[in-house]
Amino acid sequence: MDKWLWQARFFKTRSLAARIVSDGQVRLNSVRVTRPAQLVAIDDVLTFPQGAQIRVVRVSAIGTRRGPATEARTLFCDLTPPATDESRVGRVGERPTKRDRRLIDEFRKGQDEAF
């Protein structure tokens, strides 16, 4: 499994791919896997974290080498749901932008006049 993840260019090094699998962060057909040497087959579904995103991929081919990115893209079918725009939602503790501050000021000004 670690070799396939490395060949498909999801991870920069094979040891990094092996560490992710060993830590139990990879699921093979919805079952947690902790053995980097676990075999993958065509049509298996892998779920694993990559940065801040959770990737879901279906194995479409087994590679023989780590080739260029164009070759790596033929090894899988990406099933990852599209990311939602959460840039403005859930920003807790960050400094508000100038536009946000103006909206807050207008809101507060309206409340002061109401009382």
C-alpha atoms as a PDB file:
ATOM      1  CA  MET A   1       0.000   0.000   0.000  1.00  0.00           C
ATOM      2  CA  ASP A   2       2.767   2.459   0.878  1.00  0.00           C
ATOM      3  CA  LYS A   3       4.482   1.741  -2.420  1.00  0.00           C
ATOM      4  CA  TRP A   4       1.285   2.362  -4.400  1.00  0.00           C
ATOM      5  CA  LEU A   5       0.611   5.656  -2.562  1.00  0.00           C
ATOM      6  CA  TRP A   6       4.186   6.720  -3.348  1.00  0.00           C
ATOM      7  CA  GLN A   7       3.958   5.632  -7.011  1.00  0.00           C
ATOM      8  CA  ALA A   8       0.671   7.510  -7.419  1.00  0.00           C
ATOM      9  CA  ARG A   9       2.500  10.607  -6.099  1.00  0.00           C
ATOM     10  CA  PHE A  10       0.271  11.254  -3.107  1.00  0.00           C
ATOM     11  CA  PHE A  11       3.353  11.371  -0.878  1.00  0.00           C
ATOM     12  CA  LYS A  12       6.817  12.675  -1.662  1.00  0.00           C
ATOM     13  CA  THR A  13       8.678   9.762  -0.078  1.00  0.00           C
ATOM     14  CA  ARG A  14       7.807   6.137   0.452  1.00  0.00           C
ATOM     15  CA  SER A  15       8.770   6.368   4.126  1.00  0.00           C
ATOM     16  CA  LEU A  16       6.229   9.176   4.603  1.00  0.00           C
ATOM     17  CA  ALA A  17       3.554   7.018   2.956  1.00  0.00           C
ATOM     18  CA  ALA A  18       4.534   4.099   5.210  1.00  0.00           C
ATOM     19  CA  ARG A  19       4.304   6.305   8.309  1.00  0.00           C
ATOM     20  CA  ILE A  20       0.789   7.485   7.391  1.00  0.00           C
ATOM     21  CA  VAL A  21      -0.319   3.865   6.921  1.00  0.00           C
ATOM     22  CA  SER A  22       1.411   2.699  10.138  1.00  0.00           C
ATOM     23  CA  ASP A  23      -0.303   5.448  12.118  1.00  0.00           C
ATOM     24  CA  GLY A  24      -3.670   4.022  11.037  1.00  0.00           C
ATOM     25  CA  GLN A  25      -4.668   7.073   9.012  1.00  0.00           C
ATOM     26  CA  VAL A  26      -5.448   5.100   5.840  1.00  0.00           C
ATOM     27  CA  ARG A  27      -8.638   3.150   5.215  1.00  0.00           C
ATOM     28  CA  LEU A  28      -8.918   0.416   2.608  1.00  0.00           C
ATOM     29  CA  ASN A  29     -12.559  -0.170   1.627  1.00  0.00           C
ATOM     30  CA  SER A  30     -13.677   1.533   4.882  1.00  0.00           C
ATOM     31  CA  VAL A  31     -11.402  -0.659   7.050  1.00  0.00           C
ATOM     32  CA  ARG A  32      -8.487   0.943   8.925  1.00  0.00           C
ATOM     33  CA  VAL A  33      -5.113  -0.436   7.793  1.00  0.00           C
ATOM     34  CA  THR A  34      -1.897  -0.304   9.844  1.00  0.00           C
ATOM     35  CA  ARG A  35       0.385  -2.494   7.717  1.00  0.00           C
ATOM     36  CA  PRO A  36       2.315  -0.601   5.020  1.00  0.00           C
ATOM     37  CA  ALA A  37       2.819  -3.898   3.155  1.00  0.00           C
ATOM     38  CA  GLN A  38      -0.957  -4.402   2.761  1.00  0.00           C
ATOM     39  CA  LEU A  39      -1.739  -5.305  -0.842  1.00  0.00           C
ATOM     40  CA  VAL A  40      -4.092  -3.157  -2.887  1.00  0.00           C
ATOM     41  CA  ALA A  41      -6.132  -4.412  -5.819  1.00  0.00           C
ATOM     42  CA  ILE A  42      -7.880  -2.729  -8.705  1.00  0.00           C
ATOM     43  CA  ASP A  43     -11.229  -1.151  -7.651  1.00  0.00           C
ATOM     44  CA  ASP A  44     -10.144  -0.826  -4.002  1.00  0.00           C
ATOM     45  CA  VAL A  45     -11.138   2.486  -2.395  1.00  0.00           C
ATOM     46  CA  LEU A  46      -8.516   4.271  -0.274  1.00  0.00           C
ATOM     47  CA  THR A  47      -9.306   7.104   2.135  1.00  0.00           C
ATOM     48  CA  PHE A  48      -6.442   9.082   3.679  1.00  0.00           C
ATOM     49  CA  PRO A  49      -5.530  12.604   4.811  1.00  0.00           C
ATOM     50  CA  GLN A  50      -3.412  14.803   2.584  1.00  0.00           C
ATOM     51  CA  GLY A  51      -2.740  18.173   4.119  1.00  0.00           C
ATOM     52  CA  ALA A  52      -6.012  19.680   5.309  1.00  0.00           C
ATOM     53  CA  GLN A  53      -8.016  17.567   2.874  1.00  0.00           C
ATOM     54  CA  ILE A  54      -9.327  13.992   3.118  1.00  0.00           C
ATOM     55  CA  ARG A  55      -8.665  12.178  -0.160  1.00  0.00           C
ATOM     56  CA  VAL A  56     -10.850   9.354  -1.470  1.00  0.00           C
ATOM     57  CA  VAL A  57      -9.428   7.473  -4.458  1.00  0.00           C
ATOM     58  CA  ARG A  58     -10.271   4.288  -6.333  1.00  0.00           C
ATOM     59  CA  VAL A  59      -7.325   2.199  -7.522  1.00  0.00           C
ATOM     60  CA  SER A  60      -7.611   1.840 -11.298  1.00  0.00           C
ATOM     61  CA  ALA A  61      -4.175   0.338 -12.016  1.00  0.00           C
ATOM     62  CA  ILE A  62      -1.136  -1.046 -10.234  1.00  0.00           C
ATOM     63  CA  GLY A  63       2.070   0.755 -11.153  1.00  0.00           C
ATOM     64  CA  THR A  64       5.461  -0.778 -11.792  1.00  0.00           C
ATOM     65  CA  ARG A  65       7.509   2.352 -11.100  1.00  0.00           C
ATOM     66  CA  ARG A  66       7.233   5.920  -9.847  1.00  0.00           C
ATOM     67  CA  GLY A  67       6.920   7.725 -13.125  1.00  0.00           C
ATOM     68  CA  PRO A  68       5.943  11.246 -14.123  1.00  0.00           C
ATOM     69  CA  ALA A  69       2.770  12.864 -12.815  1.00  0.00           C
ATOM     70  CA  THR A  70       0.879  12.146 -16.038  1.00  0.00           C
ATOM     71  CA  GLU A  71       1.582   8.441 -15.608  1.00  0.00           C
ATOM     72  CA  ALA A  72       0.692   8.581 -11.908  1.00  0.00           C
ATOM     73  CA  ARG A  73      -2.751  10.047 -12.689  1.00  0.00           C
ATOM     74  CA  THR A  74      -3.646   6.875 -14.600  1.00  0.00           C
ATOM     75  CA  LEU A  75      -3.246   4.777 -11.436  1.00  0.00           C
ATOM     76  CA  PHE A  76      -6.335   6.149  -9.674  1.00  0.00           C
ATOM     77  CA  CYS A  77      -9.753   7.730 -10.041  1.00  0.00           C
ATOM     78  CA  ASP A  78     -10.291  10.629  -7.638  1.00  0.00           C
ATOM     79  CA  LEU A  79     -13.573  10.346  -5.711  1.00  0.00           C
ATOM     80  CA  THR A  80     -12.837  13.193  -3.301  1.00  0.00           C
ATOM     81  CA  PRO A  81     -15.890  15.421  -2.879  1.00  0.00           C
ATOM     82  CA  PRO A  82     -15.314  19.015  -3.972  1.00  0.00           C
ATOM     83  CA  ALA A  83     -14.113  21.297  -1.209  1.00  0.00           C
ATOM     84  CA  THR A  84     -16.573  23.863   0.069  1.00  0.00           C
ATOM     85  CA  ASP A  85     -15.567  27.461   0.458  1.00  0.00           C
ATOM     86  CA  GLU A  86     -14.885  27.532   4.172  1.00  0.00           C
ATOM     87  CA  SER A  87     -12.533  30.483   4.009  1.00  0.00           C
ATOM     88  CA  ARG A  88     -15.065  32.810   5.656  1.00  0.00           C
ATOM     89  CA  VAL A  89     -16.935  30.224   7.726  1.00  0.00           C
ATOM     90  CA  GLY A  90     -15.362  29.105  10.954  1.00  0.00           C
ATOM     91  CA  ARG A  91     -12.646  31.751  11.203  1.00  0.00           C
ATOM     92  CA  VAL A  92     -12.531  31.934  14.967  1.00  0.00           C
ATOM     93  CA  GLY A  93      -9.894  34.033  16.656  1.00  0.00           C
ATOM     94  CA  GLU A  94      -8.585  35.660  13.504  1.00  0.00           C
ATOM     95  CA  ARG A  95      -8.433  39.398  13.040  1.00  0.00           C
ATOM     96  CA  PRO A  96     -11.424  40.707  11.060  1.00  0.00           C
ATOM     97  CA  THR A  97     -10.800  42.239   7.662  1.00  0.00           C
ATOM     98  CA  LYS A  98     -11.420  45.911   6.971  1.00  0.00           C
ATOM     99  CA  ARG A  99     -14.759  45.071   5.378  1.00  0.00           C
ATOM    100  CA  ASP A 100     -15.747  42.955   8.385  1.00  0.00           C
ATOM    101  CA  ARG A 101     -14.831  45.770  10.783  1.00  0.00           C
ATOM    102  CA  ARG A 102     -16.984  48.230   8.823  1.00  0.00           C
ATOM    103  CA  LEU A 103     -19.949  45.845   8.962  1.00  0.00           C
ATOM    104  CA  ILE A 104     -19.456  45.366  12.707  1.00  0.00           C
ATOM    105  CA  ASP A 105     -19.254  49.136  13.239  1.00  0.00           C
ATOM    106  CA  GLU A 106     -22.465  49.705  11.242  1.00  0.00           C
ATOM    107  CA  PHE A 107     -24.208  46.987  13.230  1.00  0.00           C
ATOM    108  CA  ARG A 108     -23.105  48.447  16.554  1.00  0.00           C
ATOM    109  CA  LYS A 109     -24.033  51.970  15.466  1.00  0.00           C
ATOM    110  CA  GLY A 110     -27.552  50.771  14.639  1.00  0.00           C
ATOM    111  CA  GLN A 111     -27.908  49.098  18.035  1.00  0.00           C
ATOM    112  CA  ASP A 112     -26.750  52.202  19.926  1.00  0.00           C
ATOM    113  CA  GLU A 113     -29.383  54.337  18.177  1.00  0.00           C
ATOM    114  CA  ALA A 114     -32.120  51.813  19.007  1.00  0.00           C
ATOM    115  CA  PHE A 115     -31.583  52.202  22.763  1.00  0.00           C
END
